[in-house]
C-alpha atoms as a PDB file:
ATOM      1  CA  MET A   1      53.087   7.405 102.850  1.00  0.00           C
ATOM      2  CA  ILE A   2      53.901   3.936 102.455  1.00  0.00           C
ATOM      3  CA  LYS A   3      54.982   1.518 106.320  1.00  0.00           C
ATOM      4  CA  LYS A   4      57.942  -0.730 105.955  1.00  0.00           C
ATOM      5  CA  ALA A   5      59.368  -2.556 108.709  1.00  0.00           C
ATOM      6  CA  ILE A   6      62.953  -4.937 108.081  1.00  0.00           C
ATOM      7  CA  LYS A   7      64.532  -6.546 110.412  1.00  0.00           C
ATOM      8  CA  MET A   8      68.526  -7.358 110.192  1.00  0.00           C
ATOM      9  CA  LYS A   9      71.260  -8.849 112.241  1.00  0.00           C
ATOM     10  CA  ILE A  10      74.747  -7.456 114.490  1.00  0.00           C
ATOM     11  CA  TYR A  11      76.797  -9.099 115.788  1.00  0.00           C
ATOM     12  CA  PRO A  12      76.541  -9.589 119.482  1.00  0.00           C
ATOM     13  CA  ASP A  13      79.966  -8.108 119.939  1.00  0.00           C
ATOM     14  CA  LYS A  14      79.335  -5.236 117.727  1.00  0.00           C
ATOM     15  CA  HIS A  15      76.017  -3.477 119.458  1.00  0.00           C
ATOM     16  CA  GLU A  16      77.940   0.046 121.130  1.00  0.00           C
ATOM     17  CA  GLU A  17      79.677  -0.292 117.641  1.00  0.00           C
ATOM     18  CA  TYR A  18      76.642  -0.311 115.475  1.00  0.00           C
ATOM     19  CA  LYS A  19      75.203   2.732 117.432  1.00  0.00           C
ATOM     20  CA  ARG A  20      77.293   4.526 116.839  1.00  0.00           C
ATOM     21  CA  ARG A  21      78.372   4.694 113.591  1.00  0.00           C
ATOM     22  CA  HIS A  22      74.870   5.852 112.874  1.00  0.00           C
ATOM     23  CA  ASP A  23      74.551   8.678 115.863  1.00  0.00           C
ATOM     24  CA  GLU A  24      77.366  10.079 112.850  1.00  0.00           C
ATOM     25  CA  LEU A  25      75.679   9.318 110.124  1.00  0.00           C
ATOM     26  CA  TRP A  26      76.907  10.440 106.677  1.00  0.00           C
ATOM     27  CA  PRO A  27      75.622  13.930 106.388  1.00  0.00           C
ATOM     28  CA  GLU A  28      75.680  12.440 102.278  1.00  0.00           C
ATOM     29  CA  MET A  29      73.520   9.382 103.537  1.00  0.00           C
ATOM     30  CA  GLU A  30      71.016  10.851 105.344  1.00  0.00           C
ATOM     31  CA  GLN A  31      70.818  13.082 102.505  1.00  0.00           C
ATOM     32  CA  MET A  32      70.148  10.304 100.004  1.00  0.00           C
ATOM     33  CA  LEU A  33      68.242   8.971 102.028  1.00  0.00           C
ATOM     34  CA  LYS A  34      65.675  11.992 102.704  1.00  0.00           C
ATOM     35  CA  GLU A  35      66.106  12.564  98.508  1.00  0.00           C
ATOM     36  CA  HIS A  36      64.742   8.680  97.735  1.00  0.00           C
ATOM     37  CA  GLY A  37      61.518   9.942  99.713  1.00  0.00           C
ATOM     38  CA  ALA A  38      62.609   8.814 103.692  1.00  0.00           C
ATOM     39  CA  LEU A  39      60.159  10.718 105.881  1.00  0.00           C
ATOM     40  CA  SER A  40      60.972   9.234 108.858  1.00  0.00           C
ATOM     41  CA  TYR A  41      63.916   5.837 109.863  1.00  0.00           C
ATOM     42  CA  THR A  42      64.010   4.284 112.987  1.00  0.00           C
ATOM     43  CA  ILE A  43      66.009   1.105 114.168  1.00  0.00           C
ATOM     44  CA  PHE A  44      65.468  -0.281 117.079  1.00  0.00           C
ATOM     45  CA  LEU A  45      68.020  -3.070 118.661  1.00  0.00           C
ATOM     46  CA  ASP A  46      66.932  -6.430 121.244  1.00  0.00           C
ATOM     47  CA  ALA A  47      70.242  -6.845 122.380  1.00  0.00           C
ATOM     48  CA  LYS A  48      69.253  -9.620 123.660  1.00  0.00           C
ATOM     49  CA  THR A  49      68.946 -10.867 119.513  1.00  0.00           C
ATOM     50  CA  SER A  50      70.868  -8.898 118.286  1.00  0.00           C
ATOM     51  CA  THR A  51      68.246  -7.841 116.427  1.00  0.00           C
ATOM     52  CA  LEU A  52      67.610  -4.605 114.748  1.00  0.00           C
ATOM     53  CA  PHE A  53      64.171  -3.562 113.799  1.00  0.00           C
ATOM     54  CA  GLY A  54      63.572  -1.160 111.230  1.00  0.00           C
ATOM     55  CA  TYR A  55      60.072   0.977 110.988  1.00  0.00           C
ATOM     56  CA  LEU A  56      60.533   3.872 108.066  1.00  0.00           C
ATOM     57  CA  GLU A  57      57.757   5.780 106.307  1.00  0.00           C
ATOM     58  CA  ILE A  58      58.681   6.783 102.638  1.00  0.00           C
ATOM     59  CA  GLN A  59      56.806   8.330  99.746  1.00  0.00           C
ATOM     60  CA  GLU A  60      56.951   5.304  96.614  1.00  0.00           C
ATOM     61  CA  GLU A  61      58.703   2.378  96.801  1.00  0.00           C
ATOM     62  CA  GLU A  62      59.663   2.644  93.377  1.00  0.00           C
ATOM     63  CA  ARG A  63      62.183   5.321  94.803  1.00  0.00           C
ATOM     64  CA  TRP A  64      62.858   4.009  97.782  1.00  0.00           C
ATOM     65  CA  SER A  65      64.208   0.949  96.199  1.00  0.00           C
ATOM     66  CA  GLN A  66      66.457   3.197  94.123  1.00  0.00           C
ATOM     67  CA  THR A  67      69.008   3.579  96.691  1.00  0.00           C
ATOM     68  CA  ALA A  68      70.429   0.459  96.181  1.00  0.00           C
ATOM     69  CA  GLN A  69      71.726   1.213  93.068  1.00  0.00           C
ATOM     70  CA  THR A  70      73.537   4.753  94.728  1.00  0.00           C
ATOM     71  CA  GLU A  71      77.004   5.047  95.709  1.00  0.00           C
ATOM     72  CA  ILE A  72      76.630   6.381  98.790  1.00  0.00           C
ATOM     73  CA  ASN A  73      74.204   3.467  99.753  1.00  0.00           C
ATOM     74  CA  GLN A  74      77.477   1.163  98.462  1.00  0.00           C
ATOM     75  CA  LYS A  75      79.816   2.232 100.065  1.00  0.00           C
ATOM     76  CA  TRP A  76      77.457   2.546 103.531  1.00  0.00           C
ATOM     77  CA  TRP A  77      77.667  -0.993 103.120  1.00  0.00           C
ATOM     78  CA  ASP A  78      81.109  -1.810 102.873  1.00  0.00           C
ATOM     79  CA  TYR A  79      81.931   0.666 105.755  1.00  0.00           C
ATOM     80  CA  MET A  80      79.055  -1.613 107.464  1.00  0.00           C
ATOM     81  CA  ALA A  81      79.925  -5.371 107.175  1.00  0.00           C
ATOM     82  CA  ASP A  82      82.250  -6.131 109.885  1.00  0.00           C
ATOM     83  CA  ILE A  83      79.373  -5.286 111.945  1.00  0.00           C
ATOM     84  CA  MET A  84      76.545  -7.343 110.555  1.00  0.00           C
ATOM     85  CA  GLU A  85      75.181 -10.662 108.326  1.00  0.00           C
ATOM     86  CA  THR A  86      75.533  -9.596 105.205  1.00  0.00           C
ATOM     87  CA  ASN A  87      75.349 -10.337 102.230  1.00  0.00           C
ATOM     88  CA  PRO A  88      77.711 -11.353  99.302  1.00  0.00           C
ATOM     89  CA  ASP A  89      77.927  -7.672  97.452  1.00  0.00           C
ATOM     90  CA  ASN A  90      77.613  -6.205 101.901  1.00  0.00           C
ATOM     91  CA  SER A  91      73.965  -5.321 101.495  1.00  0.00           C
ATOM     92  CA  PRO A  92      72.335  -6.077 105.336  1.00  0.00           C
ATOM     93  CA  VAL A  93      70.523  -9.322 104.914  1.00  0.00           C
ATOM     94  CA  VAL A  94      67.100  -8.313 105.470  1.00  0.00           C
ATOM     95  CA  THR A  95      63.693  -9.592 106.237  1.00  0.00           C
ATOM     96  CA  ASP A  96      60.851  -7.477 105.152  1.00  0.00           C
ATOM     97  CA  LEU A  97      58.538  -8.366 107.972  1.00  0.00           C
ATOM     98  CA  PHE A  98      54.189  -6.943 107.070  1.00  0.00           C
ATOM     99  CA  PRO A  99      51.542  -5.329 109.520  1.00  0.00           C
ATOM    100  CA  VAL A 100      48.615  -7.263 110.946  1.00  0.00           C
ATOM    101  CA  PHE A 101      47.874  -4.649 113.195  1.00  0.00           C
ATOM    102  CA  GLU A 102      47.552  -0.955 113.703  1.00  0.00           C
ATOM    103  CA  LEU A 103      45.779   0.379 116.127  1.00  0.00           C
END
């Protein structure tokens, strides 16, 4: 198992909408994540800074990296682009975080 942590940003007035959309995650999106080796995926919000912290446990990096090319993932990016910081292709602006301590 590989542990990953990422940071993203949502717009300050979109916190509730972000949560609503994830509460209603499309079944085909959930299926794709699992098919690409996601064992768990949790997203936390720092409401004060509108920063999202994502924690993932995946099976292998190569298979996980293929999620970006799936049609459903690109559709999800388009769906989320109006409420968070994105790149020109509508993928979220993501900062990888690196482990410095684990108990």
